[in-house]
Amino acid sequence: MGGEWFEISRPPYLPLGMRWEKAVGDGLAPDVSHAFGIFDKTLCGIQEAGMSPSDYWWLPEREDACGACREAASVIDGRWPRSMRGEDARVSVARRL
């Protein structure tokens, strides 16, 4: 580190249907699709031993999508600043030494 400025890059904005993988695990009901979040939990808060993200997107518009996961995804999406939704959205911060 050093210099007069540095850049903080954040992950790019992605639509809801491209942001989370579908959660898979033995303890999850097979007829409900949950979004795999962070800290090995679904967006609605389920945490099961051995649960992991699948190779497939979690699609909130599908009929079997968990309503609580859909609601949490919508809240998260709403918090993303509109000005930071472009492809090259980065924040440059002045640093004083």
Protein backbone atom coordinates (compact mmCIF):
# COMPACT_ATOMS: atom_id res chain seq x y z
CA MET A 1 0.00 0.00 0.00
CA GLY A 2 1.06 3.53 -0.39
CA GLY A 3 0.58 6.45 -2.65
CA GLU A 4 -1.94 9.24 -2.59
CA TRP A 5 -5.05 7.25 -3.45
CA PHE A 6 -6.32 3.75 -3.65
CA GLU A 7 -9.34 2.17 -5.19
CA ILE A 8 -11.95 0.08 -3.46
CA SER A 9 -13.64 -2.22 -5.89
CA ARG A 10 -16.84 -3.94 -5.06
CA PRO A 11 -18.38 -6.91 -6.78
CA PRO A 12 -20.39 -5.86 -9.81
CA TYR A 13 -24.12 -5.51 -9.52
CA LEU A 14 -25.95 -8.60 -10.68
CA PRO A 15 -29.70 -9.11 -11.08
CA LEU A 16 -31.40 -11.24 -8.42
CA GLY A 17 -31.49 -14.30 -10.64
CA MET A 18 -27.72 -14.22 -11.16
CA ARG A 19 -26.51 -13.44 -7.67
CA TRP A 20 -27.10 -16.60 -5.62
CA GLU A 21 -26.72 -20.30 -6.23
CA LYS A 22 -29.44 -22.73 -5.26
CA ALA A 23 -28.72 -24.38 -1.89
CA VAL A 24 -28.50 -28.16 -1.77
CA GLY A 25 -28.42 -30.39 1.28
CA ASP A 26 -29.98 -33.48 2.81
CA GLY A 27 -31.96 -31.47 5.37
CA LEU A 28 -33.65 -29.15 2.85
CA ALA A 29 -37.16 -29.87 1.62
CA PRO A 30 -36.95 -31.02 -2.01
CA ASP A 31 -40.00 -28.98 -3.11
CA VAL A 32 -38.63 -25.58 -1.98
CA SER A 33 -35.72 -23.79 -3.64
CA HIS A 34 -33.50 -21.80 -1.25
CA ALA A 35 -30.78 -19.28 -2.05
CA PHE A 36 -27.36 -20.18 -0.67
CA GLY A 37 -26.11 -17.11 1.15
CA ILE A 38 -23.01 -16.45 3.20
CA PHE A 39 -21.70 -18.23 6.29
CA ASP A 40 -23.18 -21.52 5.02
CA LYS A 41 -26.77 -20.34 5.49
CA THR A 42 -29.65 -19.78 3.14
CA LEU A 43 -30.89 -16.21 2.77
CA CYS A 44 -33.81 -17.13 5.02
CA GLY A 45 -31.42 -18.37 7.73
CA ILE A 46 -31.46 -22.17 7.39
CA GLN A 47 -28.14 -23.77 8.29
CA GLU A 48 -27.71 -27.50 7.74
CA ALA A 49 -24.61 -29.64 8.06
CA GLY A 50 -23.29 -30.48 4.61
CA MET A 51 -25.36 -27.84 2.83
CA SER A 52 -23.59 -26.24 -0.13
CA PRO A 53 -24.26 -24.12 -3.20
CA SER A 54 -25.23 -26.06 -6.31
CA ASP A 55 -24.02 -25.50 -9.86
CA TYR A 56 -27.31 -23.77 -10.65
CA TRP A 57 -28.65 -20.26 -10.04
CA TRP A 58 -31.39 -19.73 -7.49
CA LEU A 59 -34.21 -18.13 -9.45
CA PRO A 60 -36.53 -16.01 -7.28
CA GLU A 61 -39.24 -15.87 -9.95
CA ARG A 62 -39.77 -19.64 -9.91
CA GLU A 63 -42.86 -20.99 -8.24
CA ASP A 64 -40.86 -23.17 -5.82
CA ALA A 65 -38.60 -20.31 -4.62
CA CYS A 66 -38.66 -19.81 -0.85
CA GLY A 67 -40.69 -16.69 -0.05
CA ALA A 68 -38.42 -15.68 2.83
CA CYS A 69 -35.32 -16.04 0.62
CA ARG A 70 -37.08 -13.98 -2.05
CA GLU A 71 -37.91 -11.27 0.50
CA ALA A 72 -34.33 -11.17 1.84
CA ALA A 73 -32.95 -11.02 -1.73
CA SER A 74 -35.25 -8.10 -2.50
CA VAL A 75 -34.11 -6.22 0.62
CA ILE A 76 -30.44 -6.82 -0.25
CA ASP A 77 -31.04 -5.69 -3.83
CA GLY A 78 -32.82 -2.55 -2.63
CA ARG A 79 -29.80 -1.56 -0.52
CA TRP A 80 -27.47 -1.61 -3.53
CA PRO A 81 -26.94 2.05 -4.52
CA ARG A 82 -28.43 2.85 -7.93
CA SER A 83 -25.29 4.78 -8.87
CA MET A 84 -23.17 1.66 -8.22
CA ARG A 85 -25.08 -0.68 -10.54
CA GLY A 86 -23.01 -0.02 -13.66
CA GLU A 87 -20.34 -2.33 -15.07
CA ASP A 88 -17.42 -0.16 -13.97
CA ALA A 89 -18.77 0.95 -10.60
CA ARG A 90 -15.81 1.61 -8.33
CA VAL A 91 -15.19 3.92 -5.43
CA SER A 92 -11.97 5.92 -5.33
CA VAL A 93 -11.03 7.20 -1.92
CA ALA A 94 -8.48 9.94 -1.21
CA ARG A 95 -5.96 8.88 1.38
CA ARG A 96 -4.00 11.40 3.40
CA LEU A 97 -0.65 10.36 4.74
